[in-house]
Amino acid sequence: IDQLPSETALRNRAYDSARGTQGAQTTGSLS
């Protein structure tokens, strides 16, 4: 019926954490 934090907030957190880990992986391999 109701949820805290909302599904949108959870999706944004998941997206942000995935972006952060992907950015850390790509910047480590750059020359």
Full PDB file with SEQRES, HELIX, SHEET, SSBOND, CRYST1, ORIGX, SCALE, CONECT and MASTER records, all heavy atoms in Angstrom:
SEQRES   1 A   31  ILE ASP GLN LEU PRO SER GLU THR ALA LEU ARG ASN ARG          
SEQRES   2 A   31  ALA TYR ASP SER ALA ARG GLY THR GLN GLY ALA GLN THR          
SEQRES   3 A   31  THR GLY SER LEU SER                                          
HELIX    1 AA1 GLU A    7  GLY A   28  1                                  22    
CRYST1    1.000    1.000    1.000  90.00  90.00  90.00 P 1           1          
ORIGX1      1.000000  0.000000  0.000000        0.00000                         
ORIGX2      0.000000  1.000000  0.000000        0.00000                         
ORIGX3      0.000000  0.000000  1.000000        0.00000                         
SCALE1      1.000000  0.000000  0.000000        0.00000                         
SCALE2      0.000000  1.000000  0.000000        0.00000                         
SCALE3      0.000000  0.000000  1.000000        0.00000                         
ATOM      1  N   ILE A   1       0.835  -1.204   0.000  1.00  0.00           N  
ATOM      2  CA  ILE A   1       0.000   0.000   0.000  1.00  0.00           C  
ATOM      3  C   ILE A   1       0.863   1.244   0.000  1.00  0.00           C  
ATOM      4  O   ILE A   1       0.635   2.183  -0.760  1.00  0.00           O  
ATOM      5  CB  ILE A   1      -0.942   0.007   1.227  1.00  0.00           C  
ATOM      6  CG1 ILE A   1      -1.872  -1.205   1.181  1.00  0.00           C  
ATOM      7  CG2 ILE A   1      -1.738   1.289   1.297  1.00  0.00           C  
ATOM      8  CD1 ILE A   1      -2.675  -1.414   2.440  1.00  0.00           C  
ATOM      9  N   ASP A   2       1.870   1.264   0.859  1.00  0.00           N  
ATOM     10  CA  ASP A   2       2.759   2.426   0.964  1.00  0.00           C  
ATOM     11  C   ASP A   2       4.147   1.926   1.309  1.00  0.00           C  
ATOM     12  O   ASP A   2       4.309   0.853   1.901  1.00  0.00           O  
ATOM     13  CB  ASP A   2       2.254   3.388   2.032  1.00  0.00           C  
ATOM     14  CG  ASP A   2       2.787   4.792   1.841  1.00  0.00           C  
ATOM     15  OD1 ASP A   2       3.534   5.023   0.854  1.00  0.00           O  
ATOM     16  OD2 ASP A   2       2.478   5.666   2.672  1.00  0.00           O  
ATOM     17  N   GLN A   3       5.158   2.740   0.948  1.00  0.00           N  
ATOM     18  CA  GLN A   3       6.542   2.323   1.154  1.00  0.00           C  
ATOM     19  C   GLN A   3       7.425   3.537   1.356  1.00  0.00           C  
ATOM     20  O   GLN A   3       7.253   4.545   0.694  1.00  0.00           O  
ATOM     21  CB  GLN A   3       6.986   1.535  -0.086  1.00  0.00           C  
ATOM     22  CG  GLN A   3       8.443   1.301  -0.218  1.00  0.00           C  
ATOM     23  CD  GLN A   3       8.762   0.426  -1.415  1.00  0.00           C  
ATOM     24  OE1 GLN A   3       8.109  -0.557  -1.660  1.00  0.00           O  
ATOM     25  NE2 GLN A   3       9.781   0.810  -2.154  1.00  0.00           N  
ATOM     26  N   LEU A   4       8.363   3.436   2.295  1.00  0.00           N  
ATOM     27  CA  LEU A   4       9.369   4.482   2.546  1.00  0.00           C  
ATOM     28  C   LEU A   4      10.744   3.848   2.569  1.00  0.00           C  
ATOM     29  O   LEU A   4      10.938   2.913   3.322  1.00  0.00           O  
ATOM     30  CB  LEU A   4       9.118   5.177   3.891  1.00  0.00           C  
ATOM     31  CG  LEU A   4       7.860   6.017   4.005  1.00  0.00           C  
ATOM     32  CD1 LEU A   4       7.682   6.488   5.428  1.00  0.00           C  
ATOM     33  CD2 LEU A   4       7.905   7.185   3.063  1.00  0.00           C  
ATOM     34  N   PRO A   5      11.708   4.296   1.815  1.00  0.00           N  
ATOM     35  CA  PRO A   5      11.660   5.251   0.713  1.00  0.00           C  
ATOM     36  C   PRO A   5      10.897   4.683  -0.482  1.00  0.00           C  
ATOM     37  O   PRO A   5      10.742   3.480  -0.610  1.00  0.00           O  
ATOM     38  CB  PRO A   5      13.127   5.488   0.364  1.00  0.00           C  
ATOM     39  CG  PRO A   5      13.880   4.353   0.924  1.00  0.00           C  
ATOM     40  CD  PRO A   5      13.075   3.797   2.035  1.00  0.00           C  
ATOM     41  N   SER A   6      10.455   5.566  -1.346  1.00  0.00           N  
ATOM     42  CA  SER A   6       9.628   5.175  -2.484  1.00  0.00           C  
ATOM     43  C   SER A   6      10.435   4.355  -3.491  1.00  0.00           C  
ATOM     44  O   SER A   6      11.662   4.318  -3.451  1.00  0.00           O  
ATOM     45  CB  SER A   6       9.073   6.423  -3.177  1.00  0.00           C  
ATOM     46  OG  SER A   6      10.129   7.149  -3.770  1.00  0.00           O  
ATOM     47  N   GLU A   7       9.726   3.692  -4.396  1.00  0.00           N  
ATOM     48  CA  GLU A   7      10.403   2.906  -5.434  1.00  0.00           C  
ATOM     49  C   GLU A   7      11.275   3.785  -6.312  1.00  0.00           C  
ATOM     50  O   GLU A   7      12.348   3.375  -6.746  1.00  0.00           O  
ATOM     51  CB  GLU A   7       9.367   2.179  -6.297  1.00  0.00           C  
ATOM     52  CG  GLU A   7       8.764   0.972  -5.636  1.00  0.00           C  
ATOM     53  CD  GLU A   7       7.922   0.166  -6.602  1.00  0.00           C  
ATOM     54  OE1 GLU A   7       8.387  -0.104  -7.726  1.00  0.00           O  
ATOM     55  OE2 GLU A   7       6.806  -0.188  -6.222  1.00  0.00           O  
ATOM     56  N   THR A   8      10.824   4.990  -6.570  1.00  0.00           N  
ATOM     57  CA  THR A   8      11.604   5.921  -7.384  1.00  0.00           C  
ATOM     58  C   THR A   8      12.919   6.259  -6.702  1.00  0.00           C  
ATOM     59  O   THR A   8      13.974   6.272  -7.348  1.00  0.00           O  
ATOM     60  CB  THR A   8      10.796   7.213  -7.638  1.00  0.00           C  
ATOM     61  OG1 THR A   8       9.546   6.866  -8.208  1.00  0.00           O  
ATOM     62  CG2 THR A   8      11.547   8.158  -8.552  1.00  0.00           C  
ATOM     63  N   ALA A   9      12.870   6.529  -5.392  1.00  0.00           N  
ATOM     64  CA  ALA A   9      14.095   6.842  -4.654  1.00  0.00           C  
ATOM     65  C   ALA A   9      15.043   5.651  -4.666  1.00  0.00           C  
ATOM     66  O   ALA A   9      16.261   5.813  -4.830  1.00  0.00           O  
ATOM     67  CB  ALA A   9      13.757   7.242  -3.226  1.00  0.00           C  
ATOM     68  N   LEU A  10      14.509   4.435  -4.513  1.00  0.00           N  
ATOM     69  CA  LEU A  10      15.355   3.241  -4.551  1.00  0.00           C  
ATOM     70  C   LEU A  10      15.991   3.042  -5.923  1.00  0.00           C  
ATOM     71  O   LEU A  10      17.174   2.696  -6.032  1.00  0.00           O  
ATOM     72  CB  LEU A  10      14.540   2.013  -4.160  1.00  0.00           C  
ATOM     73  CG  LEU A  10      14.091   1.950  -2.703  1.00  0.00           C  
ATOM     74  CD1 LEU A  10      13.162   0.770  -2.490  1.00  0.00           C  
ATOM     75  CD2 LEU A  10      15.275   1.877  -1.767  1.00  0.00           C  
ATOM     76  N   ARG A  11      15.220   3.270  -6.996  1.00  0.00           N  
ATOM     77  CA  ARG A  11      15.773   3.154  -8.353  1.00  0.00           C  
ATOM     78  C   ARG A  11      16.877   4.171  -8.576  1.00  0.00           C  
ATOM     79  O   ARG A  11      17.913   3.858  -9.170  1.00  0.00           O  
ATOM     80  CB  ARG A  11      14.674   3.352  -9.394  1.00  0.00           C  
ATOM     81  CG  ARG A  11      14.064   2.060  -9.866  1.00  0.00           C  
ATOM     82  CD  ARG A  11      13.112   2.248 -11.013  1.00  0.00           C  
ATOM     83  NE  ARG A  11      11.781   2.403 -10.429  1.00  0.00           N  
ATOM     84  CZ  ARG A  11      10.956   3.392 -10.674  1.00  0.00           C  
ATOM     85  NH1 ARG A  11      11.256   4.312 -11.532  1.00  0.00           N  
ATOM     86  NH2 ARG A  11       9.790   3.459 -10.081  1.00  0.00           N  
ATOM     87  N   ASN A  12      16.665   5.409  -8.093  1.00  0.00           N  
ATOM     88  CA  ASN A  12      17.695   6.442  -8.245  1.00  0.00           C  
ATOM     89  C   ASN A  12      18.963   6.067  -7.493  1.00  0.00           C  
ATOM     90  O   ASN A  12      20.068   6.285  -7.990  1.00  0.00           O  
ATOM     91  CB  ASN A  12      17.163   7.788  -7.763  1.00  0.00           C  
ATOM     92  CG  ASN A  12      16.133   8.369  -8.702  1.00  0.00           C  
ATOM     93  OD1 ASN A  12      16.049   7.977  -9.868  1.00  0.00           O  
ATOM     94  ND2 ASN A  12      15.324   9.289  -8.206  1.00  0.00           N  
ATOM     95  N   ARG A  13      18.810   5.515  -6.282  1.00  0.00           N  
ATOM     96  CA  ARG A  13      19.991   5.092  -5.517  1.00  0.00           C  
ATOM     97  C   ARG A  13      20.740   3.968  -6.221  1.00  0.00           C  
ATOM     98  O   ARG A  13      21.966   3.957  -6.279  1.00  0.00           O  
ATOM     99  CB  ARG A  13      19.573   4.637  -4.123  1.00  0.00           C  
ATOM    100  CG  ARG A  13      19.183   5.760  -3.214  1.00  0.00           C  
ATOM    101  CD  ARG A  13      18.811   5.234  -1.849  1.00  0.00           C  
ATOM    102  NE  ARG A  13      18.230   6.284  -1.032  1.00  0.00           N  
ATOM    103  CZ  ARG A  13      17.716   6.100   0.162  1.00  0.00           C  
ATOM    104  NH1 ARG A  13      17.702   4.887   0.697  1.00  0.00           N  
ATOM    105  NH2 ARG A  13      17.220   7.102   0.834  1.00  0.00           N  
ATOM    106  N   ALA A  14      19.998   2.999  -6.758  1.00  0.00           N  
ATOM    107  CA  ALA A  14      20.626   1.889  -7.470  1.00  0.00           C  
ATOM    108  C   ALA A  14      21.350   2.396  -8.715  1.00  0.00           C  
ATOM    109  O   ALA A  14      22.480   1.979  -9.004  1.00  0.00           O  
ATOM    110  CB  ALA A  14      19.584   0.842  -7.846  1.00  0.00           C  
ATOM    111  N   TYR A  15      20.725   3.294  -9.446  1.00  0.00           N  
ATOM    112  CA  TYR A  15      21.348   3.876 -10.645  1.00  0.00           C  
ATOM    113  C   TYR A  15      22.607   4.640 -10.283  1.00  0.00           C  
ATOM    114  O   TYR A  15      23.641   4.498 -10.933  1.00  0.00           O  
ATOM    115  CB  TYR A  15      20.345   4.797 -11.347  1.00  0.00           C  
ATOM    116  CG  TYR A  15      20.919   5.545 -12.523  1.00  0.00           C  
ATOM    117  CD1 TYR A  15      21.156   4.906 -13.728  1.00  0.00           C  
ATOM    118  CD2 TYR A  15      21.236   6.899 -12.428  1.00  0.00           C  
ATOM    119  CE1 TYR A  15      21.683   5.576 -14.812  1.00  0.00           C  
ATOM    120  CE2 TYR A  15      21.765   7.584 -13.499  1.00  0.00           C  
ATOM    121  CZ  TYR A  15      21.991   6.924 -14.695  1.00  0.00           C  
ATOM    122  OH  TYR A  15      22.523   7.588 -15.753  1.00  0.00           O  
ATOM    123  N   ASP A  16      22.536   5.426  -9.223  1.00  0.00           N  
ATOM    124  CA  ASP A  16      23.683   6.223  -8.804  1.00  0.00           C  
ATOM    125  C   ASP A  16      24.843   5.337  -8.355  1.00  0.00           C  
ATOM    126  O   ASP A  16      25.991   5.589  -8.703  1.00  0.00           O  
ATOM    127  CB  ASP A  16      23.274   7.176  -7.678  1.00  0.00           C  
ATOM    128  CG  ASP A  16      24.340   8.196  -7.380  1.00  0.00           C  
ATOM    129  OD1 ASP A  16      24.927   8.745  -8.343  1.00  0.00           O  
ATOM    130  OD2 ASP A  16      24.603   8.449  -6.190  1.00  0.00           O  
ATOM    131  N   SER A  17      24.543   4.297  -7.589  1.00  0.00           N  
ATOM    132  CA  SER A  17      25.623   3.421  -7.131  1.00  0.00           C  
ATOM    133  C   SER A  17      26.212   2.643  -8.302  1.00  0.00           C  
ATOM    134  O   SER A  17      27.416   2.415  -8.358  1.00  0.00           O  
ATOM    135  CB  SER A  17      25.136   2.479  -6.035  1.00  0.00           C  
ATOM    136  OG  SER A  17      24.164   1.598  -6.543  1.00  0.00           O  
ATOM    137  N   ALA A  18      25.391   2.228  -9.278  1.00  0.00           N  
ATOM    138  CA  ALA A  18      25.902   1.533 -10.459  1.00  0.00           C  
ATOM    139  C   ALA A  18      26.773   2.464 -11.293  1.00  0.00           C  
ATOM    140  O   ALA A  18      27.811   2.051 -11.816  1.00  0.00           O  
ATOM    141  CB  ALA A  18      24.748   0.999 -11.299  1.00  0.00           C  
ATOM    142  N   ARG A  19      26.364   3.705 -11.416  1.00  0.00           N  
ATOM    143  CA  ARG A  19      27.176   4.684 -12.152  1.00  0.00           C  
ATOM    144  C   ARG A  19      28.506   4.922 -11.476  1.00  0.00           C  
ATOM    145  O   ARG A  19      29.532   5.065 -12.123  1.00  0.00           O  
ATOM    146  CB  ARG A  19      26.415   6.004 -12.258  1.00  0.00           C  
ATOM    147  CG  ARG A  19      26.073   6.373 -13.655  1.00  0.00           C  
ATOM    148  CD  ARG A  19      25.408   7.702 -13.752  1.00  0.00           C  
ATOM    149  NE  ARG A  19      26.247   8.749 -13.194  1.00  0.00           N  
ATOM    150  CZ  ARG A  19      25.842   9.953 -12.902  1.00  0.00           C  
ATOM    151  NH1 ARG A  19      24.602  10.279 -13.099  1.00  0.00           N  
ATOM    152  NH2 ARG A  19      26.652  10.845 -12.415  1.00  0.00           N  
ATOM    153  N   GLY A  20      28.479   4.974 -10.128  1.00  0.00           N  
ATOM    154  CA  GLY A  20      29.713   5.217  -9.384  1.00  0.00           C  
ATOM    155  C   GLY A  20      30.701   4.079  -9.515  1.00  0.00           C  
ATOM    156  O   GLY A  20      31.893   4.289  -9.696  1.00  0.00           O  
ATOM    157  N   THR A  21      30.233   2.827  -9.462  1.00  0.00           N  
ATOM    158  CA  THR A  21      31.137   1.686  -9.599  1.00  0.00           C  
ATOM    159  C   THR A  21      31.624   1.541 -11.028  1.00  0.00           C  
ATOM    160  O   THR A  21      32.764   1.188 -11.266  1.00  0.00           O  
ATOM    161  CB  THR A  21      30.453   0.376  -9.150  1.00  0.00           C  
ATOM    162  OG1 THR A  21      29.268   0.194  -9.899  1.00  0.00           O  
ATOM    163  CG2 THR A  21      30.140   0.392  -7.680  1.00  0.00           C  
ATOM    164  N   GLN A  22      30.773   1.833 -12.008  1.00  0.00           N  
ATOM    165  CA  GLN A  22      31.193   1.756 -13.406  1.00  0.00           C  
ATOM    166  C   GLN A  22      32.236   2.827 -13.698  1.00  0.00           C  
ATOM    167  O   GLN A  22      33.201   2.580 -14.384  1.00  0.00           O  
ATOM    168  CB  GLN A  22      29.994   1.924 -14.339  1.00  0.00           C  
ATOM    169  CG  GLN A  22      30.366   1.816 -15.809  1.00  0.00           C  
ATOM    170  CD  GLN A  22      29.191   2.101 -16.726  1.00  0.00           C  
ATOM    171  OE1 GLN A  22      28.173   2.622 -16.296  1.00  0.00           O  
ATOM    172  NE2 GLN A  22      29.330   1.782 -17.984  1.00  0.00           N  
ATOM    173  N   GLY A  23      32.044   4.033 -13.146  1.00  0.00           N  
ATOM    174  CA  GLY A  23      33.013   5.106 -13.347  1.00  0.00           C  
ATOM    175  C   GLY A  23      34.352   4.776 -12.726  1.00  0.00           C  
ATOM    176  O   GLY A  23      35.401   5.084 -13.269  1.00  0.00           O  
ATOM    177  N   ALA A  24      34.344   4.100 -11.584  1.00  0.00           N  
ATOM    178  CA  ALA A  24      35.594   3.726 -10.934  1.00  0.00           C  
ATOM    179  C   ALA A  24      36.325   2.665 -11.743  1.00  0.00           C  
ATOM    180  O   ALA A  24      37.549   2.646 -11.803  1.00  0.00           O  
ATOM    181  CB  ALA A  24      35.318   3.224  -9.527  1.00  0.00           C  
ATOM    182  N   GLN A  25      35.592   1.776 -12.405  1.00  0.00           N  
ATOM    183  CA  GLN A  25      36.221   0.731 -13.199  1.00  0.00           C  
ATOM    184  C   GLN A  25      36.830   1.300 -14.465  1.00  0.00           C  
ATOM    185  O   GLN A  25      37.921   0.922 -14.861  1.00  0.00           O  
ATOM    186  CB  GLN A  25      35.196  -0.339 -13.572  1.00  0.00           C  
ATOM    187  CG  GLN A  25      34.724  -1.161 -12.386  1.00  0.00           C  
ATOM    188  CD  GLN A  25      33.565  -2.079 -12.764  1.00  0.00           C  
ATOM    189  OE1 GLN A  25      33.081  -2.037 -13.882  1.00  0.00           O  
ATOM    190  NE2 GLN A  25      33.127  -2.881 -11.808  1.00  0.00           N  
ATOM    191  N   THR A  26      36.168   2.237 -15.121  1.00  0.00           N  
ATOM    192  CA  THR A  26      36.674   2.765 -16.374  1.00  0.00           C  
ATOM    193  C   THR A  26      37.814   3.740 -16.163  1.00  0.00           C  
ATOM    194  O   THR A  26      38.720   3.793 -16.969  1.00  0.00           O  
ATOM    195  CB  THR A  26      35.557   3.453 -17.186  1.00  0.00           C  
ATOM    196  OG1 THR A  26      34.993   4.495 -16.396  1.00  0.00           O  
ATOM    197  CG2 THR A  26      34.487   2.460 -17.579  1.00  0.00           C  
ATOM    198  N   THR A  27      37.815   4.503 -15.088  1.00  0.00           N  
ATOM    199  CA  THR A  27      38.893   5.470 -14.885  1.00  0.00           C  
ATOM    200  C   THR A  27      40.184   4.786 -14.488  1.00  0.00           C  
ATOM    201  O   THR A  27      41.262   5.315 -14.698  1.00  0.00           O  
ATOM    202  CB  THR A  27      38.524   6.512 -13.806  1.00  0.00           C  
ATOM    203  OG1 THR A  27      38.196   5.824 -12.611  1.00  0.00           O  
ATOM    204  CG2 THR A  27      37.384   7.382 -14.261  1.00  0.00           C  
ATOM    205  N   GLY A  28      40.120   3.594 -13.937  1.00  0.00           N  
ATOM    206  CA  GLY A  28      41.332   2.891 -13.531  1.00  0.00           C  
ATOM    207  C   GLY A  28      42.102   2.363 -14.719  1.00  0.00           C  
ATOM    208  O   GLY A  28      43.317   2.160 -14.662  1.00  0.00           O  
ATOM    209  N   SER A  29      41.454   2.128 -15.858  1.00  0.00           N  
ATOM    210  CA  SER A  29      42.133   1.541 -17.011  1.00  0.00           C  
ATOM    211  C   SER A  29      42.587   2.587 -18.028  1.00  0.00           C  
ATOM    212  O   SER A  29      43.160   2.224 -19.045  1.00  0.00           O  
ATOM    213  CB  SER A  29      41.194   0.525 -17.681  1.00  0.00           C  
ATOM    214  OG  SER A  29      40.053   1.193 -18.185  1.00  0.00           O  
ATOM    215  N   LEU A  30      42.334   3.844 -17.776  1.00  0.00           N  
ATOM    216  CA  LEU A  30      42.737   4.887 -18.718  1.00  0.00           C  
ATOM    217  C   LEU A  30      44.226   5.168 -18.600  1.00  0.00           C  
ATOM    218  O   LEU A  30      44.794   5.179 -17.514  1.00  0.00           O  
ATOM    219  CB  LEU A  30      41.971   6.170 -18.454  1.00  0.00           C  
ATOM    220  CG  LEU A  30      40.486   6.168 -18.810  1.00  0.00           C  
ATOM    221  CD1 LEU A  30      39.860   7.501 -18.446  1.00  0.00           C  
ATOM    222  CD2 LEU A  30      40.285   5.899 -20.282  1.00  0.00           C  
ATOM    223  N   SER A  31      44.849   5.430 -19.712  1.00  0.00           N  
ATOM    224  CA  SER A  31      46.255   5.821 -19.726  1.00  0.00           C  
ATOM    225  C   SER A  31      46.318   7.338 -19.736  1.00  0.00           C  
ATOM    226  O   SER A  31      45.686   7.984 -20.568  1.00  0.00           O  
ATOM    227  CB  SER A  31      46.947   5.250 -20.960  1.00  0.00           C  
ATOM    228  OG  SER A  31      48.256   5.728 -21.013  1.00  0.00           O  
TER     229      SER A  31                                                      
MASTER        0    0    0    1    0    0    0    6  228    1    0    3          
END                                                                             
